[in-house]
Amino acid sequence: MKAIVTVTPKKSILDPQGDAVRKAIHHLGMECVESVRVGKHIELEISGTNLEKTREKLDQVAKELLSNPVIEDYKIEIQ
């Protein structure tokens, strides 16, 4: 089984890296891009069959290790 954790800055937090990317995109002539948010995409290969327990552990890992809950949101997708 594979889990994908996507970590992004909270909407209320400024994203200077995203703003720099937006400006670079504009410099390349794509003025239609209004905003960019830059985050992290983490893929984990997981063994086990208990989906509920796996999701609980992934939530703990995402909250305590992969993200900073003060300034970032995360989303977990299990495939």
PDB file of N, CA and C in Angstrom:
ATOM      1  N   MET A   1       0.859  -1.166   0.000  1.00  0.00           N
ATOM      2  CA  MET A   1       0.000   0.000   0.000  1.00  0.00           C
ATOM      3  C   MET A   1       0.905   1.230   0.000  1.00  0.00           C
ATOM      4  N   LYS A   2       0.405   2.290  -0.582  1.00  0.00           N
ATOM      5  CA  LYS A   2       1.179   3.532  -0.656  1.00  0.00           C
ATOM      6  C   LYS A   2       0.377   4.657  -0.026  1.00  0.00           C
ATOM      7  N   ALA A   3       1.077   5.496   0.730  1.00  0.00           N
ATOM      8  CA  ALA A   3       0.454   6.685   1.312  1.00  0.00           C
ATOM      9  C   ALA A   3       1.136   7.909   0.730  1.00  0.00           C
ATOM     10  N   ILE A   4       0.335   8.903   0.417  1.00  0.00           N
ATOM     11  CA  ILE A   4       0.858  10.172  -0.085  1.00  0.00           C
ATOM     12  C   ILE A   4       0.453  11.254   0.900  1.00  0.00           C
ATOM     13  N   VAL A   5       1.456  11.955   1.416  1.00  0.00           N
ATOM     14  CA  VAL A   5       1.212  13.060   2.344  1.00  0.00           C
ATOM     15  C   VAL A   5       1.574  14.346   1.613  1.00  0.00           C
ATOM     16  N   THR A   6       0.625  15.249   1.524  1.00  0.00           N
ATOM     17  CA  THR A   6       0.840  16.543   0.890  1.00  0.00           C
ATOM     18  C   THR A   6       0.813  17.607   1.977  1.00  0.00           C
ATOM     19  N   VAL A   7       1.900  18.362   2.077  1.00  0.00           N
ATOM     20  CA  VAL A   7       2.032  19.405   3.097  1.00  0.00           C
ATOM     21  C   VAL A   7       2.085  20.753   2.389  1.00  0.00           C
ATOM     22  N   THR A   8       1.219  21.679   2.812  1.00  0.00           N
ATOM     23  CA  THR A   8       1.181  23.013   2.205  1.00  0.00           C
ATOM     24  C   THR A   8       1.106  24.079   3.290  1.00  0.00           C
ATOM     25  N   PRO A   9       1.573  25.282   2.985  1.00  0.00           N
ATOM     26  CA  PRO A   9       1.435  26.370   3.959  1.00  0.00           C
ATOM     27  C   PRO A   9      -0.046  26.657   4.204  1.00  0.00           C
ATOM     28  N   LYS A  10      -0.377  26.997   5.433  1.00  0.00           N
ATOM     29  CA  LYS A  10      -1.762  27.379   5.732  1.00  0.00           C
ATOM     30  C   LYS A  10      -2.132  28.598   4.903  1.00  0.00           C
ATOM     31  N   LYS A  11      -3.407  28.710   4.569  1.00  0.00           N
ATOM     32  CA  LYS A  11      -3.880  29.830   3.746  1.00  0.00           C
ATOM     33  C   LYS A  11      -3.553  31.176   4.391  1.00  0.00           C
ATOM     34  N   SER A  12      -3.544  31.222   5.727  1.00  0.00           N
ATOM     35  CA  SER A  12      -3.309  32.485   6.431  1.00  0.00           C
ATOM     36  C   SER A  12      -1.826  32.850   6.526  1.00  0.00           C
ATOM     37  N   ILE A  13      -0.940  31.953   6.080  1.00  0.00           N
ATOM     38  CA  ILE A  13       0.507  32.171   6.170  1.00  0.00           C
ATOM     39  C   ILE A  13       1.040  32.625   4.809  1.00  0.00           C
ATOM     40  N   LEU A  14       1.863  33.648   4.808  1.00  0.00           N
ATOM     41  CA  LEU A  14       2.511  34.089   3.567  1.00  0.00           C
ATOM     42  C   LEU A  14       3.438  32.992   3.063  1.00  0.00           C
ATOM     43  N   ASP A  15       3.543  32.861   1.757  1.00  0.00           N
ATOM     44  CA  ASP A  15       4.390  31.846   1.138  1.00  0.00           C
ATOM     45  C   ASP A  15       5.408  32.539   0.234  1.00  0.00           C
ATOM     46  N   PRO A  16       6.543  32.987   0.798  1.00  0.00           N
ATOM     47  CA  PRO A  16       7.524  33.709  -0.013  1.00  0.00           C
ATOM     48  C   PRO A  16       8.100  32.863  -1.151  1.00  0.00           C
ATOM     49  N   GLN A  17       8.244  31.565  -0.941  1.00  0.00           N
ATOM     50  CA  GLN A  17       8.751  30.708  -2.012  1.00  0.00           C
ATOM     51  C   GLN A  17       7.733  30.636  -3.155  1.00  0.00           C
ATOM     52  N   GLY A  18       6.474  30.510  -2.813  1.00  0.00           N
ATOM     53  CA  GLY A  18       5.423  30.503  -3.829  1.00  0.00           C
ATOM     54  C   GLY A  18       5.369  31.814  -4.587  1.00  0.00           C
ATOM     55  N   ASP A  19       5.547  32.920  -3.874  1.00  0.00           N
ATOM     56  CA  ASP A  19       5.535  34.231  -4.523  1.00  0.00           C
ATOM     57  C   ASP A  19       6.714  34.374  -5.483  1.00  0.00           C
ATOM     58  N   ALA A  20       7.883  33.857  -5.089  1.00  0.00           N
ATOM     59  CA  ALA A  20       9.057  33.913  -5.966  1.00  0.00           C
ATOM     60  C   ALA A  20       8.815  33.084  -7.234  1.00  0.00           C
ATOM     61  N   VAL A  21       8.186  31.926  -7.082  1.00  0.00           N
ATOM     62  CA  VAL A  21       7.874  31.089  -8.244  1.00  0.00           C
ATOM     63  C   VAL A  21       6.874  31.803  -9.150  1.00  0.00           C
ATOM     64  N   ARG A  22       5.852  32.434  -8.563  1.00  0.00           N
ATOM     65  CA  ARG A  22       4.859  33.179  -9.349  1.00  0.00           C
ATOM     66  C   ARG A  22       5.536  34.277 -10.161  1.00  0.00           C
ATOM     67  N   LYS A  23       6.447  35.015  -9.537  1.00  0.00           N
ATOM     68  CA  LYS A  23       7.155  36.089 -10.247  1.00  0.00           C
ATOM     69  C   LYS A  23       7.997  35.527 -11.389  1.00  0.00           C
ATOM     70  N   ALA A  24       8.653  34.389 -11.160  1.00  0.00           N
ATOM     71  CA  ALA A  24       9.462  33.770 -12.213  1.00  0.00           C
ATOM     72  C   ALA A  24       8.578  33.304 -13.370  1.00  0.00           C
ATOM     73  N   ILE A  25       7.409  32.778 -13.051  1.00  0.00           N
ATOM     74  CA  ILE A  25       6.466  32.353 -14.089  1.00  0.00           C
ATOM     75  C   ILE A  25       6.012  33.560 -14.908  1.00  0.00           C
ATOM     76  N   HIS A  26       5.737  34.669 -14.228  1.00  0.00           N
ATOM     77  CA  HIS A  26       5.356  35.898 -14.940  1.00  0.00           C
ATOM     78  C   HIS A  26       6.495  36.353 -15.850  1.00  0.00           C
ATOM     79  N   HIS A  27       7.724  36.245 -15.356  1.00  0.00           N
ATOM     80  CA  HIS A  27       8.895  36.638 -16.144  1.00  0.00           C
ATOM     81  C   HIS A  27       8.997  35.794 -17.424  1.00  0.00           C
ATOM     82  N   LEU A  28       8.501  34.563 -17.352  1.00  0.00           N
ATOM     83  CA  LEU A  28       8.515  33.683 -18.524  1.00  0.00           C
ATOM     84  C   LEU A  28       7.327  33.926 -19.452  1.00  0.00           C
ATOM     85  N   GLY A  29       6.488  34.903 -19.093  1.00  0.00           N
ATOM     86  CA  GLY A  29       5.403  35.295 -19.980  1.00  0.00           C
ATOM     87  C   GLY A  29       4.037  34.727 -19.651  1.00  0.00           C
ATOM     88  N   MET A  30       3.903  34.023 -18.545  1.00  0.00           N
ATOM     89  CA  MET A  30       2.597  33.461 -18.166  1.00  0.00           C
ATOM     90  C   MET A  30       1.949  34.341 -17.115  1.00  0.00           C
ATOM     91  N   GLU A  31       1.444  35.472 -17.545  1.00  0.00           N
ATOM     92  CA  GLU A  31       0.830  36.439 -16.632  1.00  0.00           C
ATOM     93  C   GLU A  31      -0.489  35.945 -16.043  1.00  0.00           C
ATOM     94  N   CYS A  32      -1.065  34.894 -16.607  1.00  0.00           N
ATOM     95  CA  CYS A  32      -2.364  34.395 -16.142  1.00  0.00           C
ATOM     96  C   CYS A  32      -2.282  33.692 -14.782  1.00  0.00           C
ATOM     97  N   VAL A  33      -1.077  33.338 -14.325  1.00  0.00           N
ATOM     98  CA  VAL A  33      -0.923  32.680 -13.020  1.00  0.00           C
ATOM     99  C   VAL A  33      -1.059  33.734 -11.934  1.00  0.00           C
ATOM    100  N   GLU A  34      -2.092  33.591 -11.109  1.00  0.00           N
ATOM    101  CA  GLU A  34      -2.382  34.596 -10.084  1.00  0.00           C
ATOM    102  C   GLU A  34      -1.700  34.315  -8.757  1.00  0.00           C
ATOM    103  N   SER A  35      -1.554  33.047  -8.397  1.00  0.00           N
ATOM    104  CA  SER A  35      -0.878  32.733  -7.137  1.00  0.00           C
ATOM    105  C   SER A  35      -0.282  31.335  -7.205  1.00  0.00           C
ATOM    106  N   VAL A  36       0.732  31.115  -6.383  1.00  0.00           N
ATOM    107  CA  VAL A  36       1.412  29.819  -6.296  1.00  0.00           C
ATOM    108  C   VAL A  36       1.643  29.520  -4.821  1.00  0.00           C
ATOM    109  N   ARG A  37       1.356  28.297  -4.415  1.00  0.00           N
ATOM    110  CA  ARG A  37       1.661  27.826  -3.069  1.00  0.00           C
ATOM    111  C   ARG A  37       2.623  26.657  -3.239  1.00  0.00           C
ATOM    112  N   VAL A  38       3.753  26.689  -2.566  1.00  0.00           N
ATOM    113  CA  VAL A  38       4.753  25.635  -2.677  1.00  0.00           C
ATOM    114  C   VAL A  38       4.711  24.790  -1.412  1.00  0.00           C
ATOM    115  N   GLY A  39       4.657  23.479  -1.592  1.00  0.00           N
ATOM    116  CA  GLY A  39       4.600  22.575  -0.450  1.00  0.00           C
ATOM    117  C   GLY A  39       5.490  21.368  -0.663  1.00  0.00           C
ATOM    118  N   LYS A  40       5.163  20.288   0.053  1.00  0.00           N
ATOM    119  CA  LYS A  40       5.936  19.048  -0.028  1.00  0.00           C
ATOM    120  C   LYS A  40       5.000  17.904  -0.412  1.00  0.00           C
ATOM    121  N   HIS A  41       5.516  16.991  -1.205  1.00  0.00           N
ATOM    122  CA  HIS A  41       4.796  15.789  -1.627  1.00  0.00           C
ATOM    123  C   HIS A  41       5.637  14.613  -1.147  1.00  0.00           C
ATOM    124  N   ILE A  42       5.122  13.821  -0.200  1.00  0.00           N
ATOM    125  CA  ILE A  42       5.883  12.722   0.392  1.00  0.00           C
ATOM    126  C   ILE A  42       5.147  11.417   0.116  1.00  0.00           C
ATOM    127  N   GLU A  43       5.847  10.431  -0.464  1.00  0.00           N
ATOM    128  CA  GLU A  43       5.259   9.122  -0.732  1.00  0.00           C
ATOM    129  C   GLU A  43       5.898   8.089   0.182  1.00  0.00           C
ATOM    130  N   LEU A  44       5.056   7.278   0.825  1.00  0.00           N
ATOM    131  CA  LEU A  44       5.528   6.238   1.736  1.00  0.00           C
ATOM    132  C   LEU A  44       4.969   4.892   1.298  1.00  0.00           C
ATOM    133  N   GLU A  45       5.832   3.896   1.152  1.00  0.00           N
ATOM    134  CA  GLU A  45       5.392   2.522   0.891  1.00  0.00           C
ATOM    135  C   GLU A  45       5.180   1.872   2.248  1.00  0.00           C
ATOM    136  N   ILE A  46       3.994   1.295   2.451  1.00  0.00           N
ATOM    137  CA  ILE A  46       3.610   0.794   3.763  1.00  0.00           C
ATOM    138  C   ILE A  46       3.155  -0.656   3.651  1.00  0.00           C
ATOM    139  N   SER A  47       3.564  -1.464   4.643  1.00  0.00           N
ATOM    140  CA  SER A  47       3.039  -2.827   4.732  1.00  0.00           C
ATOM    141  C   SER A  47       2.009  -2.858   5.853  1.00  0.00           C
ATOM    142  N   GLY A  48       1.154  -3.837   5.816  1.00  0.00           N
ATOM    143  CA  GLY A  48       0.132  -3.956   6.848  1.00  0.00           C
ATOM    144  C   GLY A  48      -1.245  -3.995   6.226  1.00  0.00           C
ATOM    145  N   THR A  49      -2.207  -4.457   7.013  1.00  0.00           N
ATOM    146  CA  THR A  49      -3.553  -4.619   6.489  1.00  0.00           C
ATOM    147  C   THR A  49      -4.598  -3.827   7.257  1.00  0.00           C
ATOM    148  N   ASN A  50      -4.247  -3.334   8.437  1.00  0.00           N
ATOM    149  CA  ASN A  50      -5.215  -2.602   9.249  1.00  0.00           C
ATOM    150  C   ASN A  50      -5.227  -1.142   8.810  1.00  0.00           C
ATOM    151  N   LEU A  51      -6.149  -0.809   7.917  1.00  0.00           N
ATOM    152  CA  LEU A  51      -6.198   0.528   7.326  1.00  0.00           C
ATOM    153  C   LEU A  51      -6.455   1.611   8.370  1.00  0.00           C
ATOM    154  N   GLU A  52      -7.327   1.340   9.322  1.00  0.00           N
ATOM    155  CA  GLU A  52      -7.649   2.339  10.349  1.00  0.00           C
ATOM    156  C   GLU A  52      -6.429   2.655  11.218  1.00  0.00           C
ATOM    157  N   LYS A  53      -5.718   1.621  11.667  1.00  0.00           N
ATOM    158  CA  LYS A  53      -4.524   1.825  12.499  1.00  0.00           C
ATOM    159  C   LYS A  53      -3.420   2.520  11.694  1.00  0.00           C
ATOM    160  N   THR A  54      -3.282   2.125  10.422  1.00  0.00           N
ATOM    161  CA  THR A  54      -2.287   2.752   9.554  1.00  0.00           C
ATOM    162  C   THR A  54      -2.578   4.237   9.390  1.00  0.00           C
ATOM    163  N   ARG A  55      -3.846   4.577   9.164  1.00  0.00           N
ATOM    164  CA  ARG A  55      -4.222   5.987   9.002  1.00  0.00           C
ATOM    165  C   ARG A  55      -3.933   6.775  10.279  1.00  0.00           C
ATOM    166  N   GLU A  56      -4.209   6.197  11.444  1.00  0.00           N
ATOM    167  CA  GLU A  56      -3.927   6.869  12.720  1.00  0.00           C
ATOM    168  C   GLU A  56      -2.435   7.143  12.873  1.00  0.00           C
ATOM    169  N   LYS A  57      -1.609   6.135  12.565  1.00  0.00           N
ATOM    170  CA  LYS A  57      -0.153   6.302  12.673  1.00  0.00           C
ATOM    171  C   LYS A  57       0.359   7.330  11.667  1.00  0.00           C
ATOM    172  N   LEU A  58      -0.169   7.295  10.446  1.00  0.00           N
ATOM    173  CA  LEU A  58       0.232   8.275   9.437  1.00  0.00           C
ATOM    174  C   LEU A  58      -0.125   9.687   9.868  1.00  0.00           C
ATOM    175  N   ASP A  59      -1.281   9.839  10.476  1.00  0.00           N
ATOM    176  CA  ASP A  59      -1.687  11.150  10.971  1.00  0.00           C
ATOM    177  C   ASP A  59      -0.695  11.646  12.020  1.00  0.00           C
ATOM    178  N   GLN A  60      -0.274  10.758  12.904  1.00  0.00           N
ATOM    179  CA  GLN A  60       0.707  11.121  13.931  1.00  0.00           C
ATOM    180  C   GLN A  60       2.046  11.508  13.296  1.00  0.00           C
ATOM    181  N   VAL A  61       2.497  10.717  12.324  1.00  0.00           N
ATOM    182  CA  VAL A  61       3.768  11.007  11.643  1.00  0.00           C
ATOM    183  C   VAL A  61       3.692  12.343  10.912  1.00  0.00           C
ATOM    184  N   ALA A  62       2.591  12.580  10.216  1.00  0.00           N
ATOM    185  CA  ALA A  62       2.432  13.835   9.476  1.00  0.00           C
ATOM    186  C   ALA A  62       2.417  15.027  10.424  1.00  0.00           C
ATOM    187  N   LYS A  63       1.729  14.874  11.537  1.00  0.00           N
ATOM    188  CA  LYS A  63       1.594  15.971  12.494  1.00  0.00           C
ATOM    189  C   LYS A  63       2.901  16.252  13.238  1.00  0.00           C
ATOM    190  N   GLU A  64       3.623  15.191  13.628  1.00  0.00           N
ATOM    191  CA  GLU A  64       4.800  15.353  14.482  1.00  0.00           C
ATOM    192  C   GLU A  64       6.119  15.443  13.727  1.00  0.00           C
ATOM    193  N   LEU A  65       6.172  14.936  12.494  1.00  0.00           N
ATOM    194  CA  LEU A  65       7.452  14.874  11.792  1.00  0.00           C
ATOM    195  C   LEU A  65       7.447  15.568  10.430  1.00  0.00           C
ATOM    196  N   LEU A  66       6.422  15.328   9.638  1.00  0.00           N
ATOM    197  CA  LEU A  66       6.434  15.807   8.255  1.00  0.00           C
ATOM    198  C   LEU A  66       5.939  17.236   8.081  1.00  0.00           C
ATOM    199  N   SER A  67       5.225  17.754   9.072  1.00  0.00           N
ATOM    200  CA  SER A  67       4.699  19.112   8.943  1.00  0.00           C
ATOM    201  C   SER A  67       4.906  19.891  10.234  1.00  0.00           C
ATOM    202  N   ASN A  68       4.746  21.187  10.119  1.00  0.00           N
ATOM    203  CA  ASN A  68       4.722  22.070  11.282  1.00  0.00           C
ATOM    204  C   ASN A  68       3.279  22.552  11.401  1.00  0.00           C
ATOM    205  N   PRO A  69       2.498  21.964  12.317  1.00  0.00           N
ATOM    206  CA  PRO A  69       1.066  22.272  12.396  1.00  0.00           C
ATOM    207  C   PRO A  69       0.744  23.746  12.655  1.00  0.00           C
ATOM    208  N   VAL A  70       1.700  24.503  13.126  1.00  0.00           N
ATOM    209  CA  VAL A  70       1.462  25.924  13.377  1.00  0.00           C
ATOM    210  C   VAL A  70       1.316  26.684  12.063  1.00  0.00           C
ATOM    211  N   ILE A  71       2.114  26.305  11.060  1.00  0.00           N
ATOM    212  CA  ILE A  71       2.116  27.061   9.804  1.00  0.00           C
ATOM    213  C   ILE A  71       1.751  26.235   8.570  1.00  0.00           C
ATOM    214  N   GLU A  72       1.565  24.912   8.744  1.00  0.00           N
ATOM    215  CA  GLU A  72       1.294  24.059   7.586  1.00  0.00           C
ATOM    216  C   GLU A  72       0.067  23.172   7.814  1.00  0.00           C
ATOM    217  N   ASP A  73      -0.625  22.879   6.725  1.00  0.00           N
ATOM    218  CA  ASP A  73      -1.693  21.886   6.709  1.00  0.00           C
ATOM    219  C   ASP A  73      -1.163  20.658   5.985  1.00  0.00           C
ATOM    220  N   TYR A  74      -1.777  19.516   6.245  1.00  0.00           N
ATOM    221  CA  TYR A  74      -1.389  18.315   5.514  1.00  0.00           C
ATOM    222  C   TYR A  74      -2.628  17.516   5.139  1.00  0.00           C
ATOM    223  N   LYS A  75      -2.457  16.714   4.098  1.00  0.00           N
ATOM    224  CA  LYS A  75      -3.523  15.839   3.611  1.00  0.00           C
ATOM    225  C   LYS A  75      -2.904  14.473   3.377  1.00  0.00           C
ATOM    226  N   ILE A  76      -3.601  13.426   3.800  1.00  0.00           N
ATOM    227  CA  ILE A  76      -3.111  12.059   3.636  1.00  0.00           C
ATOM    228  C   ILE A  76      -4.030  11.315   2.673  1.00  0.00           C
ATOM    229  N   GLU A  77      -3.413  10.671   1.686  1.00  0.00           N
ATOM    230  CA  GLU A  77      -4.153   9.836   0.737  1.00  0.00           C
ATOM    231  C   GLU A  77      -3.529   8.447   0.759  1.00  0.00           C
ATOM    232  N   ILE A  78      -4.343   7.432   0.952  1.00  0.00           N
ATOM    233  CA  ILE A  78      -3.844   6.058   0.951  1.00  0.00           C
ATOM    234  C   ILE A  78      -4.350   5.370  -0.306  1.00  0.00           C
ATOM    235  N   GLN A  79      -3.415   4.765  -1.031  1.00  0.00           N
ATOM    236  CA  GLN A  79      -3.765   4.070  -2.287  1.00  0.00           C
ATOM    237  C   GLN A  79      -3.550   2.582  -2.132  1.00  0.00           C
TER     238      GLN A  79
END
